C-alpha cells in the first residue's frame, strides 16, 4: 500500500510517499523561513501564496524520488485540520483534485495526530496506552493515546504555544527567526540557573499549559516593564547575557513540558510517553525526557528529529492506517482551522 501525503497547514509545503504506514519512500519539504524571517513570524497571506506556487512541484519531486507514478498510488492523504485556513485549503484542494481525477481514496488527516504518528516512522511500535505530547509553534497539547488512531485530548495551551514563546523570546534577544533553533544554539553557552524565570503549573493536576507569563517575564528582565517596540529593537545585549537568558528560558519551558507530561502519564497509568512536533527536536527537551522516563520507569518514543517539524511523511503514514481501517473521506470534506 502506497499513499501520497500532502501537508500545507502552516509555512511548510510538503509531500511524501509512505508504504504500508511505516516505510518512508520519499519526503520533500519546501520551507518558507526566508519569506517570514523579517516579520519575526508567519504571515498567513505570504504563506498561502507560497503554497500555491510550491505544492505541485513538491508533489512531483516526492513522486520522482519515490520512483512512483500517480497510477501506482493507493490513496491521497492531506492535512485538513488544524492550521491556517488559507494554507490548509491549498493542500486539501490539491488532494481532492488528485483523488477525483485518479479515482483514489481521499484520507483526511488531523495534523496533531500526525505528529504523534511520526514516532511510528522510526521503526518503533510504541507501548500503549501512552501520553502523547505535541509541542510546536502553534500547538502544545497532551493526549492519551490508546491506539495509533485513537487519541483523547487531555489538555492544551491556554495562550502561547511553546514554539511561539521561543519565537517571541528569540525576537526579544535579537536572535532571528525561527526562534527554536536560535534559542537552543545560544543556550549552549549559557547558565540555565542564571535567571529564575517562572514556571506556570496552573491548577493542581492541570494538563493545560501557559507560556505567556514566561514570555513577559523575559521581556521585563531584558528591557524593563515599560519598554516600547523601539526600545526592544534598539537594546544591545552582551553575548553572555543572551546565552544566560536563552538557557534560563529554555529550561523553564522544558521543566513544564516534561513535568506535565510525566504527571499525566502517572495519573492515567500510561506505559509510555510519545513526543512530537517541531519543539520535540530541541536537544535539551529530548535529554530531559530521556532522564525523566528512566526515573519513572516509562518507555519513551521521540519523533525522529527530521520528522519533528511539519512534514508529509507523518501525514502519508497516518493516511495508510486510515485507508486500511476503511476511513475514506468524502470529496466534500472541508479544511478546518
C-alpha atoms as a PDB file:
ATOM      1  CA  UNK A   1       0.000   0.000   0.000  1.00  0.00           C
ATOM      2  CA  UNK A   2       1.434   3.347  -1.068  1.00  0.00           C
ATOM      3  CA  UNK A   3      -0.097   6.660  -0.015  1.00  0.00           C
ATOM      4  CA  UNK A   4       0.865  10.161  -1.122  1.00  0.00           C
ATOM      5  CA  UNK A   5       0.694  12.679   1.733  1.00  0.00           C
ATOM      6  CA  UNK A   6       0.314  16.454   1.353  1.00  0.00           C
ATOM      7  CA  UNK A   7       0.983  18.927   4.173  1.00  0.00           C
ATOM      8  CA  UNK A   8       0.318  22.689   3.983  1.00  0.00           C
ATOM      9  CA  UNK A   9      -1.031  23.580   7.430  1.00  0.00           C
ATOM     10  CA  UNK A  10       1.358  26.468   8.128  1.00  0.00           C
ATOM     11  CA  UNK A  11       4.542  27.552   6.336  1.00  0.00           C
ATOM     12  CA  UNK A  12       5.952  24.265   5.061  1.00  0.00           C
ATOM     13  CA  UNK A  13       4.841  22.877   1.704  1.00  0.00           C
ATOM     14  CA  UNK A  14       5.468  19.131   1.920  1.00  0.00           C
ATOM     15  CA  UNK A  15       4.711  15.915   0.071  1.00  0.00           C
ATOM     16  CA  UNK A  16       5.769  12.349   0.792  1.00  0.00           C
ATOM     17  CA  UNK A  17       5.153   8.759  -0.236  1.00  0.00           C
ATOM     18  CA  UNK A  18       4.870   6.167   2.540  1.00  0.00           C
ATOM     19  CA  UNK A  19       4.489   2.432   2.095  1.00  0.00           C
ATOM     20  CA  UNK A  20       2.368   0.283   4.422  1.00  0.00           C
ATOM     21  CA  UNK A  21       2.251   3.022   7.026  1.00  0.00           C
ATOM     22  CA  UNK A  22       5.833   2.506   8.168  1.00  0.00           C
ATOM     23  CA  UNK A  23       8.369   2.922   5.364  1.00  0.00           C
ATOM     24  CA  UNK A  24       9.088   6.459   4.171  1.00  0.00           C
ATOM     25  CA  UNK A  25       9.805   6.080   0.465  1.00  0.00           C
ATOM     26  CA  UNK A  26      10.268   9.826  -0.122  1.00  0.00           C
ATOM     27  CA  UNK A  27       9.772  13.053   1.800  1.00  0.00           C
ATOM     28  CA  UNK A  28      10.114  16.559   0.359  1.00  0.00           C
ATOM     29  CA  UNK A  29       9.711  19.780   2.332  1.00  0.00           C
ATOM     30  CA  UNK A  30       9.861  23.316   0.937  1.00  0.00           C
ATOM     31  CA  UNK A  31      10.429  25.815   3.736  1.00  0.00           C
ATOM     32  CA  UNK A  32       9.396  29.454   3.808  1.00  0.00           C
ATOM     33  CA  UNK A  33      11.702  30.675   6.573  1.00  0.00           C
ATOM     34  CA  UNK A  34      13.344  33.319   4.395  1.00  0.00           C
ATOM     35  CA  UNK A  35       9.951  34.764   3.420  1.00  0.00           C
ATOM     36  CA  UNK A  36       8.827  35.224   7.032  1.00  0.00           C
ATOM     37  CA  UNK A  37      12.134  35.981   8.758  1.00  0.00           C
ATOM     38  CA  UNK A  38      11.907  39.774   8.561  1.00  0.00           C
ATOM     39  CA  UNK A  39       8.433  39.684  10.137  1.00  0.00           C
ATOM     40  CA  UNK A  40       9.520  37.524  13.072  1.00  0.00           C
ATOM     41  CA  UNK A  41       6.695  35.039  12.428  1.00  0.00           C
ATOM     42  CA  UNK A  42       4.444  33.502   9.799  1.00  0.00           C
ATOM     43  CA  UNK A  43       2.391  35.908   7.687  1.00  0.00           C
ATOM     44  CA  UNK A  44      -0.677  33.897   6.517  1.00  0.00           C
ATOM     45  CA  UNK A  45      -1.126  35.678   3.170  1.00  0.00           C
ATOM     46  CA  UNK A  46       2.522  35.187   2.230  1.00  0.00           C
ATOM     47  CA  UNK A  47       2.378  31.546   3.333  1.00  0.00           C
ATOM     48  CA  UNK A  48      -0.694  30.844   1.202  1.00  0.00           C
ATOM     49  CA  UNK A  49       0.812  32.361  -1.933  1.00  0.00           C
ATOM     50  CA  UNK A  50       3.981  30.332  -1.477  1.00  0.00           C
ATOM     51  CA  UNK A  51       1.951  27.128  -1.035  1.00  0.00           C
ATOM     52  CA  UNK A  52       0.135  27.767  -4.316  1.00  0.00           C
ATOM     53  CA  UNK A  53       3.448  28.176  -6.117  1.00  0.00           C
ATOM     54  CA  UNK A  54       5.142  25.196  -4.477  1.00  0.00           C
ATOM     55  CA  UNK A  55       2.541  22.463  -3.982  1.00  0.00           C
ATOM     56  CA  UNK A  56       2.632  20.896  -7.458  1.00  0.00           C
ATOM     57  CA  UNK A  57       6.450  20.976  -7.851  1.00  0.00           C
ATOM     58  CA  UNK A  58       6.816  19.464  -4.370  1.00  0.00           C
ATOM     59  CA  UNK A  59       4.349  16.666  -5.182  1.00  0.00           C
ATOM     60  CA  UNK A  60       6.162  15.969  -8.462  1.00  0.00           C
ATOM     61  CA  UNK A  61       9.505  15.794  -6.659  1.00  0.00           C
ATOM     62  CA  UNK A  62       8.152  13.431  -3.980  1.00  0.00           C
ATOM     63  CA  UNK A  63       6.851  11.070  -6.667  1.00  0.00           C
ATOM     64  CA  UNK A  64      10.131  11.308  -8.610  1.00  0.00           C
ATOM     65  CA  UNK A  65      12.241  10.461  -5.561  1.00  0.00           C
ATOM     66  CA  UNK A  66       9.947   7.564  -4.727  1.00  0.00           C
ATOM     67  CA  UNK A  67      10.164   6.219  -8.259  1.00  0.00           C
ATOM     68  CA  UNK A  68       6.383   6.081  -8.175  1.00  0.00           C
ATOM     69  CA  UNK A  69       3.811   7.216 -10.715  1.00  0.00           C
ATOM     70  CA  UNK A  70       0.376   8.534  -9.827  1.00  0.00           C
ATOM     71  CA  UNK A  71      -1.097   5.307 -11.172  1.00  0.00           C
ATOM     72  CA  UNK A  72       0.820   3.251  -8.587  1.00  0.00           C
ATOM     73  CA  UNK A  73      -0.680   5.053  -5.595  1.00  0.00           C
ATOM     74  CA  UNK A  74      -3.417   3.562  -3.402  1.00  0.00           C
ATOM     75  CA  UNK A  75      -4.599   6.757  -1.743  1.00  0.00           C
ATOM     76  CA  UNK A  76      -4.140  10.501  -1.280  1.00  0.00           C
ATOM     77  CA  UNK A  77      -3.828  11.908   2.245  1.00  0.00           C
ATOM     78  CA  UNK A  78      -3.873  15.576   3.218  1.00  0.00           C
ATOM     79  CA  UNK A  79      -3.843  17.571   6.410  1.00  0.00           C
ATOM     80  CA  UNK A  80      -7.333  19.027   6.832  1.00  0.00           C
ATOM     81  CA  UNK A  81      -7.063  20.401  10.395  1.00  0.00           C
ATOM     82  CA  UNK A  82      -5.815  22.302  12.372  1.00  0.00           C
ATOM     83  CA  UNK A  83      -3.820  25.106  10.759  1.00  0.00           C
ATOM     84  CA  UNK A  84      -4.054  28.355   8.842  1.00  0.00           C
ATOM     85  CA  UNK A  85      -7.276  28.055   6.882  1.00  0.00           C
ATOM     86  CA  UNK A  86      -5.905  29.514   3.642  1.00  0.00           C
ATOM     87  CA  UNK A  87      -2.814  27.327   3.810  1.00  0.00           C
ATOM     88  CA  UNK A  88      -4.858  24.200   4.515  1.00  0.00           C
ATOM     89  CA  UNK A  89      -7.119  24.903   1.557  1.00  0.00           C
ATOM     90  CA  UNK A  90      -4.192  24.712  -0.864  1.00  0.00           C
ATOM     91  CA  UNK A  91      -3.204  21.202   0.190  1.00  0.00           C
ATOM     92  CA  UNK A  92      -6.761  19.951   0.590  1.00  0.00           C
ATOM     93  CA  UNK A  93      -7.713  21.267  -2.862  1.00  0.00           C
ATOM     94  CA  UNK A  94      -4.706  19.581  -4.470  1.00  0.00           C
ATOM     95  CA  UNK A  95      -5.534  16.300  -2.714  1.00  0.00           C
ATOM     96  CA  UNK A  96      -9.183  16.451  -3.767  1.00  0.00           C
ATOM     97  CA  UNK A  97      -8.207  17.086  -7.387  1.00  0.00           C
ATOM     98  CA  UNK A  98      -5.852  14.102  -7.405  1.00  0.00           C
ATOM     99  CA  UNK A  99      -8.366  11.873  -5.613  1.00  0.00           C
ATOM    100  CA  UNK A 100     -11.164  12.727  -8.047  1.00  0.00           C
ATOM    101  CA  UNK A 101      -9.094  12.559 -11.219  1.00  0.00           C
ATOM    102  CA  UNK A 102      -7.376   9.290 -10.312  1.00  0.00           C
ATOM    103  CA  UNK A 103     -10.348   7.631  -8.621  1.00  0.00           C
ATOM    104  CA  UNK A 104      -8.300   7.111  -5.443  1.00  0.00           C
ATOM    105  CA  UNK A 105      -9.488   7.230  -1.815  1.00  0.00           C
ATOM    106  CA  UNK A 106      -9.085  10.595  -0.069  1.00  0.00           C
ATOM    107  CA  UNK A 107      -7.795  10.475   3.509  1.00  0.00           C
ATOM    108  CA  UNK A 108      -8.365  13.427   5.855  1.00  0.00           C
ATOM    109  CA  UNK A 109      -5.565  13.700   8.410  1.00  0.00           C
ATOM    110  CA  UNK A 110      -5.501  15.637  11.687  1.00  0.00           C
ATOM    111  CA  UNK A 111      -2.192  17.498  11.914  1.00  0.00           C
ATOM    112  CA  UNK A 112      -1.685  16.911  15.654  1.00  0.00           C
ATOM    113  CA  UNK A 113      -2.391  13.187  15.435  1.00  0.00           C
ATOM    114  CA  UNK A 114       0.042  13.004  12.530  1.00  0.00           C
ATOM    115  CA  UNK A 115       2.772  14.494  14.746  1.00  0.00           C
ATOM    116  CA  UNK A 116       2.092  11.705  17.235  1.00  0.00           C
ATOM    117  CA  UNK A 117       2.256   9.097  14.476  1.00  0.00           C
ATOM    118  CA  UNK A 118       5.737  10.312  13.496  1.00  0.00           C
ATOM    119  CA  UNK A 119       7.044   8.130  16.347  1.00  0.00           C
ATOM    120  CA  UNK A 120       5.916   5.041  14.411  1.00  0.00           C
ATOM    121  CA  UNK A 121       8.011   6.079  11.395  1.00  0.00           C
ATOM    122  CA  UNK A 122      11.264   5.424  13.250  1.00  0.00           C
ATOM    123  CA  UNK A 123      10.739   1.666  13.121  1.00  0.00           C
ATOM    124  CA  UNK A 124       9.253   1.727  16.601  1.00  0.00           C
ATOM    125  CA  UNK A 125       5.983   0.275  17.895  1.00  0.00           C
ATOM    126  CA  UNK A 126       5.150   2.364  20.954  1.00  0.00           C
ATOM    127  CA  UNK A 127       3.854   0.530  24.009  1.00  0.00           C
ATOM    128  CA  UNK A 128       0.298   1.700  24.629  1.00  0.00           C
ATOM    129  CA  UNK A 129      -1.505   3.333  26.291  1.00  0.00           C
ATOM    130  CA  UNK A 130       0.771   6.348  26.127  1.00  0.00           C
ATOM    131  CA  UNK A 131       0.597  10.011  26.975  1.00  0.00           C
ATOM    132  CA  UNK A 132       1.462  11.945  23.820  1.00  0.00           C
ATOM    133  CA  UNK A 133       2.821  15.488  23.826  1.00  0.00           C
ATOM    134  CA  UNK A 134       2.615  17.540  20.637  1.00  0.00           C
ATOM    135  CA  UNK A 135       4.718  20.665  21.059  1.00  0.00           C
ATOM    136  CA  UNK A 136       5.243  23.093  18.188  1.00  0.00           C
ATOM    137  CA  UNK A 137       4.954  26.712  17.108  1.00  0.00           C
ATOM    138  CA  UNK A 138       1.175  26.638  17.088  1.00  0.00           C
ATOM    139  CA  UNK A 139       0.304  23.838  19.496  1.00  0.00           C
ATOM    140  CA  UNK A 140       1.178  22.455  22.902  1.00  0.00           C
ATOM    141  CA  UNK A 141      -1.224  19.591  23.572  1.00  0.00           C
ATOM    142  CA  UNK A 142      -1.400  16.425  25.664  1.00  0.00           C
ATOM    143  CA  UNK A 143      -3.295  13.311  24.564  1.00  0.00           C
ATOM    144  CA  UNK A 144      -3.994   9.867  25.962  1.00  0.00           C
ATOM    145  CA  UNK A 145      -3.101   7.572  23.066  1.00  0.00           C
ATOM    146  CA  UNK A 146      -4.736   4.143  23.148  1.00  0.00           C
ATOM    147  CA  UNK A 147      -4.057   3.171  19.521  1.00  0.00           C
ATOM    148  CA  UNK A 148      -2.359   4.919  16.610  1.00  0.00           C
ATOM    149  CA  UNK A 149      -5.829   6.103  15.560  1.00  0.00           C
ATOM    150  CA  UNK A 150      -7.356   6.745  18.995  1.00  0.00           C
ATOM    151  CA  UNK A 151      -6.354   9.832  20.966  1.00  0.00           C
ATOM    152  CA  UNK A 152      -8.205  11.581  23.798  1.00  0.00           C
ATOM    153  CA  UNK A 153      -7.234  15.191  24.404  1.00  0.00           C
ATOM    154  CA  UNK A 154      -6.158  15.822  27.991  1.00  0.00           C
ATOM    155  CA  UNK A 155      -5.171  19.474  27.740  1.00  0.00           C
ATOM    156  CA  UNK A 156      -3.500  22.173  25.702  1.00  0.00           C
ATOM    157  CA  UNK A 157      -2.160  25.688  25.770  1.00  0.00           C
ATOM    158  CA  UNK A 158      -4.438  28.424  27.084  1.00  0.00           C
ATOM    159  CA  UNK A 159      -2.362  31.174  25.426  1.00  0.00           C
ATOM    160  CA  UNK A 160       1.025  30.982  23.700  1.00  0.00           C
ATOM    161  CA  UNK A 161       2.246  27.622  22.439  1.00  0.00           C
ATOM    162  CA  UNK A 162       5.779  26.686  23.481  1.00  0.00           C
ATOM    163  CA  UNK A 163       7.180  27.193  19.984  1.00  0.00           C
ATOM    164  CA  UNK A 164       5.511  30.587  19.744  1.00  0.00           C
ATOM    165  CA  UNK A 165       7.155  31.579  23.029  1.00  0.00           C
ATOM    166  CA  UNK A 166      10.539  30.500  21.612  1.00  0.00           C
ATOM    167  CA  UNK A 167       9.959  32.720  18.563  1.00  0.00           C
ATOM    168  CA  UNK A 168       8.960  35.736  20.659  1.00  0.00           C
ATOM    169  CA  UNK A 169      11.845  35.398  23.101  1.00  0.00           C
ATOM    170  CA  UNK A 170      14.287  34.990  20.202  1.00  0.00           C
ATOM    171  CA  UNK A 171      12.898  38.233  18.796  1.00  0.00           C
ATOM    172  CA  UNK A 172      13.426  40.000  22.138  1.00  0.00           C
ATOM    173  CA  UNK A 173      17.027  38.791  22.213  1.00  0.00           C
ATOM    174  CA  UNK A 174      17.645  39.678  18.566  1.00  0.00           C
ATOM    175  CA  UNK A 175      18.338  36.073  17.584  1.00  0.00           C
ATOM    176  CA  UNK A 176      16.168  35.967  14.473  1.00  0.00           C
ATOM    177  CA  UNK A 177      13.570  33.533  13.149  1.00  0.00           C
ATOM    178  CA  UNK A 178      12.753  30.679  13.590  1.00  0.00           C
ATOM    179  CA  UNK A 179      13.318  31.064  17.298  1.00  0.00           C
ATOM    180  CA  UNK A 180      13.576  27.452  18.418  1.00  0.00           C
ATOM    181  CA  UNK A 181      16.935  26.563  16.841  1.00  0.00           C
ATOM    182  CA  UNK A 182      18.288  30.058  17.614  1.00  0.00           C
ATOM    183  CA  UNK A 183      17.424  29.815  21.325  1.00  0.00           C
ATOM    184  CA  UNK A 184      18.818  26.294  21.579  1.00  0.00           C
ATOM    185  CA  UNK A 185      22.084  27.347  19.927  1.00  0.00           C
ATOM    186  CA  UNK A 186      22.519  30.400  22.163  1.00  0.00           C
ATOM    187  CA  UNK A 187      21.612  28.411  25.284  1.00  0.00           C
ATOM    188  CA  UNK A 188      24.537  26.014  24.855  1.00  0.00           C
ATOM    189  CA  UNK A 189      26.904  28.692  26.147  1.00  0.00           C
ATOM    190  CA  UNK A 190      24.578  29.881  28.905  1.00  0.00           C
ATOM    191  CA  UNK A 191      23.878  29.177  32.562  1.00  0.00           C
ATOM    192  CA  UNK A 192      20.464  27.543  32.993  1.00  0.00           C
ATOM    193  CA  UNK A 193      20.248  28.880  36.541  1.00  0.00           C
ATOM    194  CA  UNK A 194      21.279  32.451  35.733  1.00  0.00           C
ATOM    195  CA  UNK A 195      17.698  33.775  35.816  1.00  0.00           C
ATOM    196  CA  UNK A 196      14.920  32.269  37.915  1.00  0.00           C
ATOM    197  CA  UNK A 197      12.091  32.586  35.401  1.00  0.00           C
ATOM    198  CA  UNK A 198       8.598  31.490  36.497  1.00  0.00           C
ATOM    199  CA  UNK A 199       7.086  28.084  35.757  1.00  0.00           C
ATOM    200  CA  UNK A 200       3.344  28.159  35.177  1.00  0.00           C
ATOM    201  CA  UNK A 201       1.779  24.966  36.524  1.00  0.00           C
ATOM    202  CA  UNK A 202      -1.798  26.363  36.622  1.00  0.00           C
ATOM    203  CA  UNK A 203      -4.215  24.337  38.769  1.00  0.00           C
ATOM    204  CA  UNK A 204      -3.069  21.160  40.564  1.00  0.00           C
ATOM    205  CA  UNK A 205      -3.035  18.208  38.140  1.00  0.00           C
ATOM    206  CA  UNK A 206      -3.894  20.535  35.235  1.00  0.00           C
ATOM    207  CA  UNK A 207      -2.918  19.196  31.826  1.00  0.00           C
ATOM    208  CA  UNK A 208      -3.110  22.660  30.266  1.00  0.00           C
ATOM    209  CA  UNK A 209      -0.137  24.905  29.509  1.00  0.00           C
ATOM    210  CA  UNK A 210       0.552  28.637  29.691  1.00  0.00           C
ATOM    211  CA  UNK A 211       3.700  30.340  28.411  1.00  0.00           C
ATOM    212  CA  UNK A 212       2.598  33.966  28.019  1.00  0.00           C
ATOM    213  CA  UNK A 213       3.685  34.840  31.564  1.00  0.00           C
ATOM    214  CA  UNK A 214       7.120  33.367  30.989  1.00  0.00           C
ATOM    215  CA  UNK A 215       7.486  35.315  27.750  1.00  0.00           C
ATOM    216  CA  UNK A 216       6.522  38.533  29.565  1.00  0.00           C
ATOM    217  CA  UNK A 217       8.993  37.775  32.372  1.00  0.00           C
ATOM    218  CA  UNK A 218      11.776  37.524  29.783  1.00  0.00           C
ATOM    219  CA  UNK A 219      10.694  40.826  28.236  1.00  0.00           C
ATOM    220  CA  UNK A 220      10.706  42.598  31.611  1.00  0.00           C
ATOM    221  CA  UNK A 221      14.074  41.110  32.524  1.00  0.00           C
ATOM    222  CA  UNK A 222      15.623  42.258  29.247  1.00  0.00           C
ATOM    223  CA  UNK A 223      14.007  45.596  28.509  1.00  0.00           C
ATOM    224  CA  UNK A 224      12.052  46.672  31.581  1.00  0.00           C
ATOM    225  CA  UNK A 225       8.321  46.860  32.224  1.00  0.00           C
ATOM    226  CA  UNK A 226       7.580  49.922  30.132  1.00  0.00           C
ATOM    227  CA  UNK A 227       9.704  49.139  27.088  1.00  0.00           C
ATOM    228  CA  UNK A 228       8.317  50.076  23.672  1.00  0.00           C
ATOM    229  CA  UNK A 229       8.925  48.132  20.465  1.00  0.00           C
ATOM    230  CA  UNK A 230      11.538  50.700  19.557  1.00  0.00           C
ATOM    231  CA  UNK A 231      13.252  50.158  22.905  1.00  0.00           C
ATOM    232  CA  UNK A 232      13.303  46.394  22.392  1.00  0.00           C
ATOM    233  CA  UNK A 233      14.680  46.740  18.874  1.00  0.00           C
ATOM    234  CA  UNK A 234      17.419  49.164  19.908  1.00  0.00           C
ATOM    235  CA  UNK A 235      18.740  47.407  23.012  1.00  0.00           C
ATOM    236  CA  UNK A 236      22.093  45.672  22.615  1.00  0.00           C
ATOM    237  CA  UNK A 237      22.944  42.752  24.901  1.00  0.00           C
ATOM    238  CA  UNK A 238      26.250  41.074  25.590  1.00  0.00           C
ATOM    239  CA  UNK A 239      26.757  37.552  24.277  1.00  0.00           C
ATOM    240  CA  UNK A 240      26.922  36.254  27.858  1.00  0.00           C
ATOM    241  CA  UNK A 241      23.614  37.931  28.758  1.00  0.00           C
ATOM    242  CA  UNK A 242      21.871  36.472  25.693  1.00  0.00           C
ATOM    243  CA  UNK A 243      23.236  32.998  26.396  1.00  0.00           C
ATOM    244  CA  UNK A 244      22.160  33.061  30.045  1.00  0.00           C
ATOM    245  CA  UNK A 245      18.653  34.333  29.266  1.00  0.00           C
ATOM    246  CA  UNK A 246      18.238  31.804  26.467  1.00  0.00           C
ATOM    247  CA  UNK A 247      19.393  28.928  28.667  1.00  0.00           C
ATOM    248  CA  UNK A 248      17.227  30.000  31.610  1.00  0.00           C
ATOM    249  CA  UNK A 249      14.160  30.495  29.421  1.00  0.00           C
ATOM    250  CA  UNK A 250      14.654  27.157  27.665  1.00  0.00           C
ATOM    251  CA  UNK A 251      14.983  25.368  30.993  1.00  0.00           C
ATOM    252  CA  UNK A 252      11.755  26.928  32.268  1.00  0.00           C
ATOM    253  CA  UNK A 253       9.855  25.699  29.193  1.00  0.00           C
ATOM    254  CA  UNK A 254      11.394  22.231  29.388  1.00  0.00           C
ATOM    255  CA  UNK A 255      10.602  21.907  33.105  1.00  0.00           C
ATOM    256  CA  UNK A 256       6.907  22.449  32.447  1.00  0.00           C
ATOM    257  CA  UNK A 257       6.686  20.251  29.348  1.00  0.00           C
ATOM    258  CA  UNK A 258       8.455  17.311  30.964  1.00  0.00           C
ATOM    259  CA  UNK A 259       6.769  17.758  34.323  1.00  0.00           C
ATOM    260  CA  UNK A 260       3.230  17.888  32.969  1.00  0.00           C
ATOM    261  CA  UNK A 261       3.714  15.006  30.536  1.00  0.00           C
ATOM    262  CA  UNK A 262       5.156  12.734  33.224  1.00  0.00           C
ATOM    263  CA  UNK A 263       2.452  13.702  35.728  1.00  0.00           C
ATOM    264  CA  UNK A 264      -0.237  12.940  33.140  1.00  0.00           C
ATOM    265  CA  UNK A 265       1.355   9.551  32.431  1.00  0.00           C
ATOM    266  CA  UNK A 266       1.214   8.708  36.128  1.00  0.00           C
ATOM    267  CA  UNK A 267      -2.402   9.862  36.513  1.00  0.00           C
ATOM    268  CA  UNK A 268      -3.600   7.869  33.521  1.00  0.00           C
ATOM    269  CA  UNK A 269      -1.452   4.789  34.198  1.00  0.00           C
ATOM    270  CA  UNK A 270       0.273   5.119  30.839  1.00  0.00           C
ATOM    271  CA  UNK A 271       3.136   2.814  29.938  1.00  0.00           C
ATOM    272  CA  UNK A 272       4.999   5.308  27.824  1.00  0.00           C
ATOM    273  CA  UNK A 273       5.365   8.867  26.581  1.00  0.00           C
ATOM    274  CA  UNK A 274       5.360   9.929  22.918  1.00  0.00           C
ATOM    275  CA  UNK A 275       6.730  13.350  21.934  1.00  0.00           C
ATOM    276  CA  UNK A 276       6.327  15.014  18.529  1.00  0.00           C
ATOM    277  CA  UNK A 277       6.161  18.440  16.919  1.00  0.00           C
ATOM    278  CA  UNK A 278       8.792  20.995  15.966  1.00  0.00           C
ATOM    279  CA  UNK A 279       9.944  21.734  19.521  1.00  0.00           C
ATOM    280  CA  UNK A 280      10.494  17.986  20.030  1.00  0.00           C
ATOM    281  CA  UNK A 281      13.708  18.432  18.008  1.00  0.00           C
ATOM    282  CA  UNK A 282      15.143  20.509  20.867  1.00  0.00           C
ATOM    283  CA  UNK A 283      18.146  18.675  22.270  1.00  0.00           C
ATOM    284  CA  UNK A 284      17.645  19.786  25.878  1.00  0.00           C
ATOM    285  CA  UNK A 285      13.989  18.688  25.821  1.00  0.00           C
ATOM    286  CA  UNK A 286      14.956  15.265  24.472  1.00  0.00           C
ATOM    287  CA  UNK A 287      17.709  14.925  27.077  1.00  0.00           C
ATOM    288  CA  UNK A 288      15.356  15.785  29.938  1.00  0.00           C
ATOM    289  CA  UNK A 289      12.634  13.435  28.711  1.00  0.00           C
ATOM    290  CA  UNK A 290      15.140  10.600  28.470  1.00  0.00           C
ATOM    291  CA  UNK A 291      16.182  11.157  32.082  1.00  0.00           C
ATOM    292  CA  UNK A 292      12.607  11.534  33.344  1.00  0.00           C
ATOM    293  CA  UNK A 293      11.484   8.372  31.535  1.00  0.00           C
ATOM    294  CA  UNK A 294      14.303   6.359  33.101  1.00  0.00           C
ATOM    295  CA  UNK A 295      13.455   7.652  36.555  1.00  0.00           C
ATOM    296  CA  UNK A 296       9.734   6.979  36.107  1.00  0.00           C
ATOM    297  CA  UNK A 297      10.110   3.554  34.531  1.00  0.00           C
ATOM    298  CA  UNK A 298       8.422   4.737  31.337  1.00  0.00           C
ATOM    299  CA  UNK A 299       9.159   3.861  27.744  1.00  0.00           C
ATOM    300  CA  UNK A 300       9.922   6.938  25.655  1.00  0.00           C
ATOM    301  CA  UNK A 301       9.258   7.439  21.944  1.00  0.00           C
ATOM    302  CA  UNK A 302      10.618  10.627  20.423  1.00  0.00           C
ATOM    303  CA  UNK A 303       9.762  11.511  16.837  1.00  0.00           C
ATOM    304  CA  UNK A 304      12.903  11.340  14.668  1.00  0.00           C
ATOM    305  CA  UNK A 305      14.497  14.824  14.514  1.00  0.00           C
ATOM    306  CA  UNK A 306      13.914  15.015  10.761  1.00  0.00           C
ATOM    307  CA  UNK A 307      10.198  14.342  11.246  1.00  0.00           C
ATOM    308  CA  UNK A 308       9.578  16.723  14.151  1.00  0.00           C
ATOM    309  CA  UNK A 309       8.900  19.841  12.105  1.00  0.00           C
ATOM    310  CA  UNK A 310       5.961  19.844   9.689  1.00  0.00           C
ATOM    311  CA  UNK A 311       6.337  17.155   7.037  1.00  0.00           C
ATOM    312  CA  UNK A 312       4.137  14.996   4.831  1.00  0.00           C
ATOM    313  CA  UNK A 313       5.626  11.615   5.768  1.00  0.00           C
ATOM    314  CA  UNK A 314       3.648  11.632   9.017  1.00  0.00           C
ATOM    315  CA  UNK A 315       0.535  12.573   7.022  1.00  0.00           C
ATOM    316  CA  UNK A 316       1.001   9.803   4.495  1.00  0.00           C
ATOM    317  CA  UNK A 317       1.841   7.285   7.219  1.00  0.00           C
ATOM    318  CA  UNK A 318      -1.307   8.020   9.172  1.00  0.00           C
ATOM    319  CA  UNK A 319      -3.208   8.075   5.878  1.00  0.00           C
ATOM    320  CA  UNK A 320      -2.171   4.441   5.310  1.00  0.00           C
ATOM    321  CA  UNK A 321      -3.758   3.458   8.627  1.00  0.00           C
ATOM    322  CA  UNK A 322      -6.938   5.378   7.839  1.00  0.00           C
ATOM    323  CA  UNK A 323      -7.145   3.659   4.455  1.00  0.00           C
ATOM    324  CA  UNK A 324      -6.604   0.207   5.982  1.00  0.00           C
ATOM    325  CA  UNK A 325      -9.332   0.980   8.531  1.00  0.00           C
ATOM    326  CA  UNK A 326     -11.788   1.999   5.820  1.00  0.00           C
ATOM    327  CA  UNK A 327     -11.898   5.667   6.856  1.00  0.00           C
ATOM    328  CA  UNK A 328     -12.085   7.260   3.416  1.00  0.00           C
ATOM    329  CA  UNK A 329     -13.126  10.920   3.445  1.00  0.00           C
ATOM    330  CA  UNK A 330     -15.749  12.322   1.046  1.00  0.00           C
ATOM    331  CA  UNK A 331     -14.741  14.882  -1.555  1.00  0.00           C
ATOM    332  CA  UNK A 332     -16.928  17.329   0.382  1.00  0.00           C
ATOM    333  CA  UNK A 333     -14.578  17.244   3.380  1.00  0.00           C
ATOM    334  CA  UNK A 334     -13.566  20.746   4.394  1.00  0.00           C
ATOM    335  CA  UNK A 335     -10.440  22.298   5.827  1.00  0.00           C
ATOM    336  CA  UNK A 336     -10.889  23.465   9.422  1.00  0.00           C
ATOM    337  CA  UNK A 337      -8.543  25.915  11.182  1.00  0.00           C
END
